[in-house]
Amino acid sequence: MWGLGVLIPLLGAGALQVSQDPAEVQVTAGAGVALGCQVVAAEPFHLLRVEWLKDAGRGVLCAARLGPAATLAPCTPRLHLTWHPPRATLSLRQARTGDAGHYVCRVTLEI
């Protein structure tokens, strides 16, 4: 079972809000799953850094710098990040037992 948390880094009150969905999901081995990260900025932005971490930051699984019209490439053969503002989605193909854990979307507003 994969659990998702919510991380809301703020530069100022209300500057950036991040929410993840689904909160928890069960996936059968070999199946795919999509983890969503909704980003709402109080003001227009030019560049965001989006990182997906697993199990309390043991390492970044997938990262990208995103602008309003970014084009992304796969992070690994099984991990793919897409960006359709205001939503970033991490897709995992062919889940394995070792993929179980807590996934967190970390978003930083770059200036």
PDB file of N, CA and C in Angstrom:
ATOM      1  N   MET A   1       0.840  -1.169   0.000  1.00  0.00           N
ATOM      2  CA  MET A   1       0.000   0.000   0.000  1.00  0.00           C
ATOM      3  C   MET A   1       0.885   1.232   0.000  1.00  0.00           C
ATOM      4  N   TRP A   2       0.557   2.200  -0.784  1.00  0.00           N
ATOM      5  CA  TRP A   2       1.318   3.436  -0.843  1.00  0.00           C
ATOM      6  C   TRP A   2       0.520   4.510  -0.149  1.00  0.00           C
ATOM      7  N   GLY A   3       1.141   5.221   0.733  1.00  0.00           N
ATOM      8  CA  GLY A   3       0.481   6.340   1.394  1.00  0.00           C
ATOM      9  C   GLY A   3       1.064   7.631   0.884  1.00  0.00           C
ATOM     10  N   LEU A   4       0.254   8.626   0.800  1.00  0.00           N
ATOM     11  CA  LEU A   4       0.711   9.932   0.350  1.00  0.00           C
ATOM     12  C   LEU A   4       0.544  10.932   1.473  1.00  0.00           C
ATOM     13  N   GLY A   5       1.468  11.839   1.581  1.00  0.00           N
ATOM     14  CA  GLY A   5       1.364  12.903   2.555  1.00  0.00           C
ATOM     15  C   GLY A   5       1.183  14.216   1.834  1.00  0.00           C
ATOM     16  N   VAL A   6       1.099  15.275   2.592  1.00  0.00           N
ATOM     17  CA  VAL A   6       0.953  16.598   2.017  1.00  0.00           C
ATOM     18  C   VAL A   6       2.075  17.467   2.548  1.00  0.00           C
ATOM     19  N   LEU A   7       2.739  18.161   1.653  1.00  0.00           N
ATOM     20  CA  LEU A   7       3.815  19.052   2.011  1.00  0.00           C
ATOM     21  C   LEU A   7       3.480  20.413   1.435  1.00  0.00           C
ATOM     22  N   ILE A   8       3.465  21.443   2.256  1.00  0.00           N
ATOM     23  CA  ILE A   8       3.099  22.768   1.793  1.00  0.00           C
ATOM     24  C   ILE A   8       4.227  23.741   2.126  1.00  0.00           C
ATOM     25  N   PRO A   9       5.211  23.893   1.235  1.00  0.00           N
ATOM     26  CA  PRO A   9       6.250  24.881   1.481  1.00  0.00           C
ATOM     27  C   PRO A   9       5.720  26.267   1.134  1.00  0.00           C
ATOM     28  N   LEU A  10       5.945  27.215   2.010  1.00  0.00           N
ATOM     29  CA  LEU A  10       5.430  28.559   1.796  1.00  0.00           C
ATOM     30  C   LEU A  10       6.556  29.585   1.855  1.00  0.00           C
ATOM     31  N   LEU A  11       6.568  30.495   0.901  1.00  0.00           N
ATOM     32  CA  LEU A  11       7.492  31.616   0.952  1.00  0.00           C
ATOM     33  C   LEU A  11       6.874  32.754   1.742  1.00  0.00           C
ATOM     34  N   GLY A  12       5.598  32.881   1.670  1.00  0.00           N
ATOM     35  CA  GLY A  12       4.840  33.867   2.408  1.00  0.00           C
ATOM     36  C   GLY A  12       3.460  33.295   2.594  1.00  0.00           C
ATOM     37  N   ALA A  13       2.709  33.840   3.498  1.00  0.00           N
ATOM     38  CA  ALA A  13       1.378  33.291   3.779  1.00  0.00           C
ATOM     39  C   ALA A  13       0.557  33.221   2.500  1.00  0.00           C
ATOM     40  N   GLY A  14       0.149  32.014   2.130  1.00  0.00           N
ATOM     41  CA  GLY A  14      -0.703  31.836   0.970  1.00  0.00           C
ATOM     42  C   GLY A  14       0.012  31.911  -0.364  1.00  0.00           C
ATOM     43  N   ALA A  15       1.357  31.971  -0.386  1.00  0.00           N
ATOM     44  CA  ALA A  15       2.093  32.109  -1.636  1.00  0.00           C
ATOM     45  C   ALA A  15       1.951  30.871  -2.518  1.00  0.00           C
ATOM     46  N   LEU A  16       1.950  29.695  -1.890  1.00  0.00           N
ATOM     47  CA  LEU A  16       1.911  28.452  -2.644  1.00  0.00           C
ATOM     48  C   LEU A  16       1.200  27.397  -1.826  1.00  0.00           C
ATOM     49  N   GLN A  17       0.231  26.723  -2.430  1.00  0.00           N
ATOM     50  CA  GLN A  17      -0.479  25.643  -1.750  1.00  0.00           C
ATOM     51  C   GLN A  17      -0.348  24.385  -2.598  1.00  0.00           C
ATOM     52  N   VAL A  18      -0.017  23.280  -1.931  1.00  0.00           N
ATOM     53  CA  VAL A  18       0.185  22.012  -2.609  1.00  0.00           C
ATOM     54  C   VAL A  18      -0.696  20.961  -1.950  1.00  0.00           C
ATOM     55  N   SER A  19      -1.413  20.192  -2.764  1.00  0.00           N
ATOM     56  CA  SER A  19      -2.196  19.087  -2.221  1.00  0.00           C
ATOM     57  C   SER A  19      -1.979  17.864  -3.099  1.00  0.00           C
ATOM     58  N   GLN A  20      -2.057  16.705  -2.480  1.00  0.00           N
ATOM     59  CA  GLN A  20      -1.835  15.447  -3.187  1.00  0.00           C
ATOM     60  C   GLN A  20      -3.092  14.597  -3.168  1.00  0.00           C
ATOM     61  N   ASP A  21      -3.260  13.803  -4.237  1.00  0.00           N
ATOM     62  CA  ASP A  21      -4.342  12.842  -4.263  1.00  0.00           C
ATOM     63  C   ASP A  21      -3.956  11.693  -5.169  1.00  0.00           C
ATOM     64  N   PRO A  22      -4.417  10.511  -4.892  1.00  0.00           N
ATOM     65  CA  PRO A  22      -5.241  10.124  -3.750  1.00  0.00           C
ATOM     66  C   PRO A  22      -4.398  10.091  -2.479  1.00  0.00           C
ATOM     67  N   ALA A  23      -5.066  10.146  -1.320  1.00  0.00           N
ATOM     68  CA  ALA A  23      -4.367  10.132  -0.042  1.00  0.00           C
ATOM     69  C   ALA A  23      -3.735   8.773   0.212  1.00  0.00           C
ATOM     70  N   GLU A  24      -4.382   7.726  -0.236  1.00  0.00           N
ATOM     71  CA  GLU A  24      -3.860   6.370  -0.059  1.00  0.00           C
ATOM     72  C   GLU A  24      -4.382   5.515  -1.191  1.00  0.00           C
ATOM     73  N   VAL A  25      -3.539   4.613  -1.671  1.00  0.00           N
ATOM     74  CA  VAL A  25      -3.955   3.763  -2.787  1.00  0.00           C
ATOM     75  C   VAL A  25      -3.291   2.397  -2.644  1.00  0.00           C
ATOM     76  N   GLN A  26      -4.028   1.377  -3.023  1.00  0.00           N
ATOM     77  CA  GLN A  26      -3.487   0.022  -3.077  1.00  0.00           C
ATOM     78  C   GLN A  26      -3.364  -0.352  -4.541  1.00  0.00           C
ATOM     79  N   VAL A  27      -2.213  -0.929  -4.878  1.00  0.00           N
ATOM     80  CA  VAL A  27      -1.926  -1.268  -6.262  1.00  0.00           C
ATOM     81  C   VAL A  27      -1.478  -2.713  -6.325  1.00  0.00           C
ATOM     82  N   THR A  28      -1.973  -3.434  -7.297  1.00  0.00           N
ATOM     83  CA  THR A  28      -1.578  -4.813  -7.526  1.00  0.00           C
ATOM     84  C   THR A  28      -0.244  -4.829  -8.265  1.00  0.00           C
ATOM     85  N   ALA A  29       0.621  -5.766  -7.903  1.00  0.00           N
ATOM     86  CA  ALA A  29       1.909  -5.907  -8.588  1.00  0.00           C
ATOM     87  C   ALA A  29       1.686  -6.009 -10.089  1.00  0.00           C
ATOM     88  N   GLY A  30       2.480  -5.256 -10.844  1.00  0.00           N
ATOM     89  CA  GLY A  30       2.373  -5.255 -12.296  1.00  0.00           C
ATOM     90  C   GLY A  30       1.453  -4.183 -12.840  1.00  0.00           C
ATOM     91  N   ALA A  31       0.627  -3.590 -11.980  1.00  0.00           N
ATOM     92  CA  ALA A  31      -0.298  -2.549 -12.418  1.00  0.00           C
ATOM     93  C   ALA A  31       0.397  -1.185 -12.388  1.00  0.00           C
ATOM     94  N   GLY A  32      -0.261  -0.206 -12.926  1.00  0.00           N
ATOM     95  CA  GLY A  32       0.243   1.160 -12.907  1.00  0.00           C
ATOM     96  C   GLY A  32      -0.564   2.003 -11.938  1.00  0.00           C
ATOM     97  N   VAL A  33       0.017   3.137 -11.549  1.00  0.00           N
ATOM     98  CA  VAL A  33      -0.665   4.054 -10.643  1.00  0.00           C
ATOM     99  C   VAL A  33      -0.263   5.477 -10.988  1.00  0.00           C
ATOM    100  N   ALA A  34      -1.172   6.424 -10.759  1.00  0.00           N
ATOM    101  CA  ALA A  34      -0.897   7.840 -10.983  1.00  0.00           C
ATOM    102  C   ALA A  34      -1.106   8.590  -9.670  1.00  0.00           C
ATOM    103  N   LEU A  35      -0.100   9.357  -9.280  1.00  0.00           N
ATOM    104  CA  LEU A  35      -0.150  10.143  -8.052  1.00  0.00           C
ATOM    105  C   LEU A  35      -0.183  11.615  -8.439  1.00  0.00           C
ATOM    106  N   GLY A  36      -1.209  12.316  -7.975  1.00  0.00           N
ATOM    107  CA  GLY A  36      -1.396  13.706  -8.366  1.00  0.00           C
ATOM    108  C   GLY A  36      -0.901  14.698  -7.337  1.00  0.00           C
ATOM    109  N   CYS A  37      -0.451  15.844  -7.841  1.00  0.00           N
ATOM    110  CA  CYS A  37       0.054  16.935  -7.007  1.00  0.00           C
ATOM    111  C   CYS A  37      -0.506  18.233  -7.582  1.00  0.00           C
ATOM    112  N   GLN A  38      -1.443  18.839  -6.877  1.00  0.00           N
ATOM    113  CA  GLN A  38      -2.083  20.074  -7.337  1.00  0.00           C
ATOM    114  C   GLN A  38      -1.340  21.255  -6.734  1.00  0.00           C
ATOM    115  N   VAL A  39      -0.959  22.220  -7.566  1.00  0.00           N
ATOM    116  CA  VAL A  39      -0.183  23.379  -7.136  1.00  0.00           C
ATOM    117  C   VAL A  39      -0.991  24.640  -7.421  1.00  0.00           C
ATOM    118  N   VAL A  40      -1.260  25.405  -6.376  1.00  0.00           N
ATOM    119  CA  VAL A  40      -1.991  26.659  -6.528  1.00  0.00           C
ATOM    120  C   VAL A  40      -1.113  27.778  -5.996  1.00  0.00           C
ATOM    121  N   ALA A  41      -0.771  28.726  -6.870  1.00  0.00           N
ATOM    122  CA  ALA A  41       0.066  29.857  -6.494  1.00  0.00           C
ATOM    123  C   ALA A  41      -0.798  31.098  -6.369  1.00  0.00           C
ATOM    124  N   ALA A  42      -0.526  31.910  -5.339  1.00  0.00           N
ATOM    125  CA  ALA A  42      -1.285  33.136  -5.111  1.00  0.00           C
ATOM    126  C   ALA A  42      -1.043  34.148  -6.231  1.00  0.00           C
ATOM    127  N   GLU A  43       0.141  34.088  -6.825  1.00  0.00           N
ATOM    128  CA  GLU A  43       0.493  34.996  -7.914  1.00  0.00           C
ATOM    129  C   GLU A  43       1.072  34.190  -9.062  1.00  0.00           C
ATOM    130  N   PRO A  44       1.052  34.740 -10.277  1.00  0.00           N
ATOM    131  CA  PRO A  44       1.644  34.014 -11.404  1.00  0.00           C
ATOM    132  C   PRO A  44       3.120  33.696 -11.126  1.00  0.00           C
ATOM    133  N   PHE A  45       3.567  32.554 -11.603  1.00  0.00           N
ATOM    134  CA  PHE A  45       4.946  32.151 -11.386  1.00  0.00           C
ATOM    135  C   PHE A  45       5.609  31.883 -12.731  1.00  0.00           C
ATOM    136  N   HIS A  46       6.942  31.941 -12.725  1.00  0.00           N
ATOM    137  CA  HIS A  46       7.692  31.641 -13.933  1.00  0.00           C
ATOM    138  C   HIS A  46       8.304  30.250 -13.882  1.00  0.00           C
ATOM    139  N   LEU A  47       8.655  29.796 -12.656  1.00  0.00           N
ATOM    140  CA  LEU A  47       9.339  28.527 -12.558  1.00  0.00           C
ATOM    141  C   LEU A  47       9.067  27.863 -11.211  1.00  0.00           C
ATOM    142  N   LEU A  48       8.656  26.604 -11.257  1.00  0.00           N
ATOM    143  CA  LEU A  48       8.477  25.778 -10.072  1.00  0.00           C
ATOM    144  C   LEU A  48       9.424  24.593 -10.183  1.00  0.00           C
ATOM    145  N   ARG A  49       9.911  24.144  -9.045  1.00  0.00           N
ATOM    146  CA  ARG A  49      10.650  22.884  -9.021  1.00  0.00           C
ATOM    147  C   ARG A  49       9.747  21.875  -8.324  1.00  0.00           C
ATOM    148  N   VAL A  50       9.445  20.782  -8.986  1.00  0.00           N
ATOM    149  CA  VAL A  50       8.605  19.727  -8.428  1.00  0.00           C
ATOM    150  C   VAL A  50       9.472  18.488  -8.262  1.00  0.00           C
ATOM    151  N   GLU A  51       9.439  17.930  -7.043  1.00  0.00           N
ATOM    152  CA  GLU A  51      10.201  16.729  -6.741  1.00  0.00           C
ATOM    153  C   GLU A  51       9.287  15.731  -6.061  1.00  0.00           C
ATOM    154  N   TRP A  52       9.389  14.480  -6.445  1.00  0.00           N
ATOM    155  CA  TRP A  52       8.671  13.404  -5.780  1.00  0.00           C
ATOM    156  C   TRP A  52       9.677  12.626  -4.953  1.00  0.00           C
ATOM    157  N   LEU A  53       9.379  12.479  -3.664  1.00  0.00           N
ATOM    158  CA  LEU A  53      10.236  11.755  -2.737  1.00  0.00           C
ATOM    159  C   LEU A  53       9.493  10.536  -2.214  1.00  0.00           C
ATOM    160  N   LYS A  54      10.260   9.554  -1.781  1.00  0.00           N
ATOM    161  CA  LYS A  54       9.657   8.346  -1.230  1.00  0.00           C
ATOM    162  C   LYS A  54      10.205   8.108   0.163  1.00  0.00           C
ATOM    163  N   ASP A  55       9.316   7.738   1.087  1.00  0.00           N
ATOM    164  CA  ASP A  55       9.689   7.350   2.446  1.00  0.00           C
ATOM    165  C   ASP A  55      10.565   8.375   3.151  1.00  0.00           C
ATOM    166  N   ALA A  56       9.986   9.526   3.417  1.00  0.00           N
ATOM    167  CA  ALA A  56      10.626  10.587   4.213  1.00  0.00           C
ATOM    168  C   ALA A  56      11.954  11.053   3.630  1.00  0.00           C
ATOM    169  N   GLY A  57      11.992  11.241   2.345  1.00  0.00           N
ATOM    170  CA  GLY A  57      13.143  11.866   1.722  1.00  0.00           C
ATOM    171  C   GLY A  57      14.375  11.014   1.561  1.00  0.00           C
ATOM    172  N   ARG A  58      14.237   9.706   1.416  1.00  0.00           N
ATOM    173  CA  ARG A  58      15.405   8.847   1.179  1.00  0.00           C
ATOM    174  C   ARG A  58      16.086   9.182  -0.136  1.00  0.00           C
ATOM    175  N   GLY A  59      15.465   9.951  -0.922  1.00  0.00           N
ATOM    176  CA  GLY A  59      16.027  10.353  -2.210  1.00  0.00           C
ATOM    177  C   GLY A  59      14.926  10.823  -3.127  1.00  0.00           C
ATOM    178  N   VAL A  60      15.295  11.652  -4.067  1.00  0.00           N
ATOM    179  CA  VAL A  60      14.333  12.174  -5.027  1.00  0.00           C
ATOM    180  C   VAL A  60      14.144  11.137  -6.130  1.00  0.00           C
ATOM    181  N   LEU A  61      12.901  10.732  -6.321  1.00  0.00           N
ATOM    182  CA  LEU A  61      12.579   9.752  -7.372  1.00  0.00           C
ATOM    183  C   LEU A  61      12.520  10.398  -8.746  1.00  0.00           C
ATOM    184  N   CYS A  62      11.982  11.600  -8.768  1.00  0.00           N
ATOM    185  CA  CYS A  62      11.738  12.276 -10.028  1.00  0.00           C
ATOM    186  C   CYS A  62      11.671  13.767  -9.741  1.00  0.00           C
ATOM    187  N   ALA A  63      12.314  14.577 -10.559  1.00  0.00           N
ATOM    188  CA  ALA A  63      12.316  16.021 -10.345  1.00  0.00           C
ATOM    189  C   ALA A  63      12.274  16.740 -11.687  1.00  0.00           C
ATOM    190  N   ALA A  64      11.671  17.924 -11.675  1.00  0.00           N
ATOM    191  CA  ALA A  64      11.616  18.731 -12.895  1.00  0.00           C
ATOM    192  C   ALA A  64      11.397  20.186 -12.526  1.00  0.00           C
ATOM    193  N   ARG A  65      11.882  21.049 -13.384  1.00  0.00           N
ATOM    194  CA  ARG A  65      11.572  22.478 -13.274  1.00  0.00           C
ATOM    195  C   ARG A  65      10.435  22.731 -14.253  1.00  0.00           C
ATOM    196  N   LEU A  66       9.390  23.357 -13.746  1.00  0.00           N
ATOM    197  CA  LEU A  66       8.174  23.518 -14.535  1.00  0.00           C
ATOM    198  C   LEU A  66       7.819  24.984 -14.708  1.00  0.00           C
ATOM    199  N   GLY A  67       7.558  25.360 -15.928  1.00  0.00           N
ATOM    200  CA  GLY A  67       7.020  26.665 -16.240  1.00  0.00           C
ATOM    201  C   GLY A  67       5.586  26.487 -16.680  1.00  0.00           C
ATOM    202  N   PRO A  68       4.946  27.577 -17.071  1.00  0.00           N
ATOM    203  CA  PRO A  68       3.546  27.467 -17.484  1.00  0.00           C
ATOM    204  C   PRO A  68       3.310  26.495 -18.641  1.00  0.00           C
ATOM    205  N   ALA A  69       4.310  26.278 -19.499  1.00  0.00           N
ATOM    206  CA  ALA A  69       4.121  25.382 -20.644  1.00  0.00           C
ATOM    207  C   ALA A  69       5.294  24.407 -20.774  1.00  0.00           C
ATOM    208  N   ALA A  70       5.665  23.753 -19.694  1.00  0.00           N
ATOM    209  CA  ALA A  70       6.819  22.848 -19.700  1.00  0.00           C
ATOM    210  C   ALA A  70       6.517  21.563 -20.456  1.00  0.00           C
ATOM    211  N   THR A  71       7.547  21.002 -21.075  1.00  0.00           N
ATOM    212  CA  THR A  71       7.475  19.695 -21.702  1.00  0.00           C
ATOM    213  C   THR A  71       8.407  18.784 -20.922  1.00  0.00           C
ATOM    214  N   LEU A  72       7.930  17.623 -20.508  1.00  0.00           N
ATOM    215  CA  LEU A  72       8.711  16.751 -19.641  1.00  0.00           C
ATOM    216  C   LEU A  72       9.065  15.445 -20.319  1.00  0.00           C
ATOM    217  N   ALA A  73      10.149  14.878 -19.835  1.00  0.00           N
ATOM    218  CA  ALA A  73      10.593  13.561 -20.301  1.00  0.00           C
ATOM    219  C   ALA A  73      10.466  12.593 -19.133  1.00  0.00           C
ATOM    220  N   PRO A  74      10.456  11.285 -19.418  1.00  0.00           N
ATOM    221  CA  PRO A  74      10.383  10.320 -18.315  1.00  0.00           C
ATOM    222  C   PRO A  74      11.580  10.471 -17.369  1.00  0.00           C
ATOM    223  N   CYS A  75      11.337  10.236 -16.087  1.00  0.00           N
ATOM    224  CA  CYS A  75      12.405  10.276 -15.091  1.00  0.00           C
ATOM    225  C   CYS A  75      13.205   8.980 -15.123  1.00  0.00           C
ATOM    226  N   THR A  76      12.514   7.868 -15.271  1.00  0.00           N
ATOM    227  CA  THR A  76      13.127   6.547 -15.408  1.00  0.00           C
ATOM    228  C   THR A  76      12.225   5.784 -16.373  1.00  0.00           C
ATOM    229  N   PRO A  77      12.618   4.595 -16.772  1.00  0.00           N
ATOM    230  CA  PRO A  77      11.720   3.838 -17.662  1.00  0.00           C
ATOM    231  C   PRO A  77      10.344   3.567 -17.045  1.00  0.00           C
ATOM    232  N   ARG A  78      10.249   3.506 -15.701  1.00  0.00           N
ATOM    233  CA  ARG A  78       8.953   3.214 -15.069  1.00  0.00           C
ATOM    234  C   ARG A  78       8.282   4.439 -14.459  1.00  0.00           C
ATOM    235  N   LEU A  79       8.991   5.555 -14.316  1.00  0.00           N
ATOM    236  CA  LEU A  79       8.421   6.766 -13.712  1.00  0.00           C
ATOM    237  C   LEU A  79       8.328   7.872 -14.753  1.00  0.00           C
ATOM    238  N   HIS A  80       7.166   8.489 -14.818  1.00  0.00           N
ATOM    239  CA  HIS A  80       6.950   9.557 -15.784  1.00  0.00           C
ATOM    240  C   HIS A  80       6.204  10.695 -15.101  1.00  0.00           C
ATOM    241  N   LEU A  81       6.681  11.906 -15.269  1.00  0.00           N
ATOM    242  CA  LEU A  81       6.048  13.090 -14.687  1.00  0.00           C
ATOM    243  C   LEU A  81       5.384  13.890 -15.796  1.00  0.00           C
ATOM    244  N   THR A  82       4.123  14.242 -15.583  1.00  0.00           N
ATOM    245  CA  THR A  82       3.418  15.099 -16.538  1.00  0.00           C
ATOM    246  C   THR A  82       2.982  16.372 -15.832  1.00  0.00           C
ATOM    247  N   TRP A  83       2.797  17.424 -16.606  1.00  0.00           N
ATOM    248  CA  TRP A  83       2.424  18.733 -16.067  1.00  0.00           C
ATOM    249  C   TRP A  83       1.311  19.316 -16.918  1.00  0.00           C
ATOM    250  N   HIS A  84       0.146  19.409 -16.315  1.00  0.00           N
ATOM    251  CA  HIS A  84      -1.004  20.063 -16.913  1.00  0.00           C
ATOM    252  C   HIS A  84      -1.480  21.056 -15.865  1.00  0.00           C
ATOM    253  N   PRO A  85      -0.961  22.306 -15.919  1.00  0.00           N
ATOM    254  CA  PRO A  85      -1.229  23.278 -14.843  1.00  0.00           C
ATOM    255  C   PRO A  85      -2.702  23.313 -14.460  1.00  0.00           C
ATOM    256  N   PRO A  86      -2.956  23.275 -13.184  1.00  0.00           N
ATOM    257  CA  PRO A  86      -2.038  23.359 -12.036  1.00  0.00           C
ATOM    258  C   PRO A  86      -1.663  21.999 -11.452  1.00  0.00           C
ATOM    259  N   ARG A  87      -1.675  20.931 -12.246  1.00  0.00           N
ATOM    260  CA  ARG A  87      -1.487  19.575 -11.713  1.00  0.00           C
ATOM    261  C   ARG A  87      -0.266  18.878 -12.314  1.00  0.00           C
ATOM    262  N   ALA A  88       0.579  18.369 -11.415  1.00  0.00           N
ATOM    263  CA  ALA A  88       1.695  17.502 -11.806  1.00  0.00           C
ATOM    264  C   ALA A  88       1.312  16.082 -11.407  1.00  0.00           C
ATOM    265  N   THR A  89       1.559  15.123 -12.282  1.00  0.00           N
ATOM    266  CA  THR A  89       1.197  13.735 -12.004  1.00  0.00           C
ATOM    267  C   THR A  89       2.416  12.848 -12.198  1.00  0.00           C
ATOM    268  N   LEU A  90       2.703  12.050 -11.174  1.00  0.00           N
ATOM    269  CA  LEU A  90       3.757  11.052 -11.266  1.00  0.00           C
ATOM    270  C   LEU A  90       3.094   9.724 -11.570  1.00  0.00           C
ATOM    271  N   SER A  91       3.442   9.121 -12.706  1.00  0.00           N
ATOM    272  CA  SER A  91       2.891   7.826 -13.090  1.00  0.00           C
ATOM    273  C   SER A  91       3.967   6.769 -12.917  1.00  0.00           C
ATOM    274  N   LEU A  92       3.585   5.684 -12.292  1.00  0.00           N
ATOM    275  CA  LEU A  92       4.475   4.552 -12.069  1.00  0.00           C
ATOM    276  C   LEU A  92       3.921   3.375 -12.843  1.00  0.00           C
ATOM    277  N   ARG A  93       4.732   2.835 -13.732  1.00  0.00           N
ATOM    278  CA  ARG A  93       4.322   1.678 -14.534  1.00  0.00           C
ATOM    279  C   ARG A  93       4.825   0.404 -13.878  1.00  0.00           C
ATOM    280  N   GLN A  94       4.060  -0.632 -13.964  1.00  0.00           N
ATOM    281  CA  GLN A  94       4.448  -1.974 -13.499  1.00  0.00           C
ATOM    282  C   GLN A  94       4.971  -1.957 -12.061  1.00  0.00           C
ATOM    283  N   ALA A  95       4.074  -1.684 -11.130  1.00  0.00           N
ATOM    284  CA  ALA A  95       4.428  -1.627  -9.710  1.00  0.00           C
ATOM    285  C   ALA A  95       5.048  -2.933  -9.229  1.00  0.00           C
ATOM    286  N   ARG A  96       6.005  -2.776  -8.330  1.00  0.00           N
ATOM    287  CA  ARG A  96       6.679  -3.925  -7.711  1.00  0.00           C
ATOM    288  C   ARG A  96       6.552  -3.800  -6.199  1.00  0.00           C
ATOM    289  N   THR A  97       6.840  -4.871  -5.496  1.00  0.00           N
ATOM    290  CA  THR A  97       6.750  -4.863  -4.036  1.00  0.00           C
ATOM    291  C   THR A  97       7.603  -3.753  -3.438  1.00  0.00           C
ATOM    292  N   GLY A  98       8.781  -3.528  -3.967  1.00  0.00           N
ATOM    293  CA  GLY A  98       9.684  -2.495  -3.457  1.00  0.00           C
ATOM    294  C   GLY A  98       9.197  -1.072  -3.668  1.00  0.00           C
ATOM    295  N   ASP A  99       8.151  -0.896  -4.455  1.00  0.00           N
ATOM    296  CA  ASP A  99       7.604   0.445  -4.691  1.00  0.00           C
ATOM    297  C   ASP A  99       6.685   0.901  -3.562  1.00  0.00           C
ATOM    298  N   ALA A 100       6.299  -0.012  -2.674  1.00  0.00           N
ATOM    299  CA  ALA A 100       5.400   0.350  -1.577  1.00  0.00           C
ATOM    300  C   ALA A 100       6.080   1.380  -0.684  1.00  0.00           C
ATOM    301  N   GLY A 101       5.312   2.333  -0.189  1.00  0.00           N
ATOM    302  CA  GLY A 101       5.857   3.339   0.705  1.00  0.00           C
ATOM    303  C   GLY A 101       5.029   4.610   0.678  1.00  0.00           C
ATOM    304  N   HIS A 102       5.571   5.644   1.298  1.00  0.00           N
ATOM    305  CA  HIS A 102       4.915   6.956   1.359  1.00  0.00           C
ATOM    306  C   HIS A 102       5.585   7.878   0.346  1.00  0.00           C
ATOM    307  N   TYR A 103       4.779   8.476  -0.512  1.00  0.00           N
ATOM    308  CA  TYR A 103       5.276   9.359  -1.562  1.00  0.00           C
ATOM    309  C   TYR A 103       4.843  10.786  -1.257  1.00  0.00           C
ATOM    310  N   VAL A 104       5.764  11.725  -1.404  1.00  0.00           N
ATOM    311  CA  VAL A 104       5.481  13.132  -1.121  1.00  0.00           C
ATOM    312  C   VAL A 104       5.916  13.977  -2.313  1.00  0.00           C
ATOM    313  N   CYS A 105       5.051  14.883  -2.687  1.00  0.00           N
ATOM    314  CA  CYS A 105       5.344  15.850  -3.735  1.00  0.00           C
ATOM    315  C   CYS A 105       5.857  17.122  -3.050  1.00  0.00           C
ATOM    316  N   ARG A 106       7.080  17.514  -3.370  1.00  0.00           N
ATOM    317  CA  ARG A 106       7.657  18.744  -2.795  1.00  0.00           C
ATOM    318  C   ARG A 106       7.758  19.767  -3.916  1.00  0.00           C
ATOM    319  N   VAL A 107       7.189  20.941  -3.668  1.00  0.00           N
ATOM    320  CA  VAL A 107       7.166  21.996  -4.689  1.00  0.00           C
ATOM    321  C   VAL A 107       7.849  23.222  -4.124  1.00  0.00           C
ATOM    322  N   THR A 108       8.759  23.784  -4.931  1.00  0.00           N
ATOM    323  CA  THR A 108       9.472  24.994  -4.550  1.00  0.00           C
ATOM    324  C   THR A 108       9.247  26.046  -5.614  1.00  0.00           C
ATOM    325  N   LEU A 109       8.883  27.234  -5.191  1.00  0.00           N
ATOM    326  CA  LEU A 109       8.706  28.365  -6.097  1.00  0.00           C
ATOM    327  C   LEU A 109      10.078  28.986  -6.273  1.00  0.00           C
ATOM    328  N   GLU A 110      10.617  28.928  -7.493  1.00  0.00           N
ATOM    329  CA  GLU A 110      11.955  29.468  -7.745  1.00  0.00           C
ATOM    330  C   GLU A 110      11.849  30.934  -8.153  1.00  0.00           C
ATOM    331  N   ILE A 111      12.793  31.703  -7.634  1.00  0.00           N
ATOM    332  CA  ILE A 111      12.803  33.134  -7.946  1.00  0.00           C
ATOM    333  C   ILE A 111      14.130  33.535  -8.556  1.00  0.00           C
TER     334      ILE A 111
END
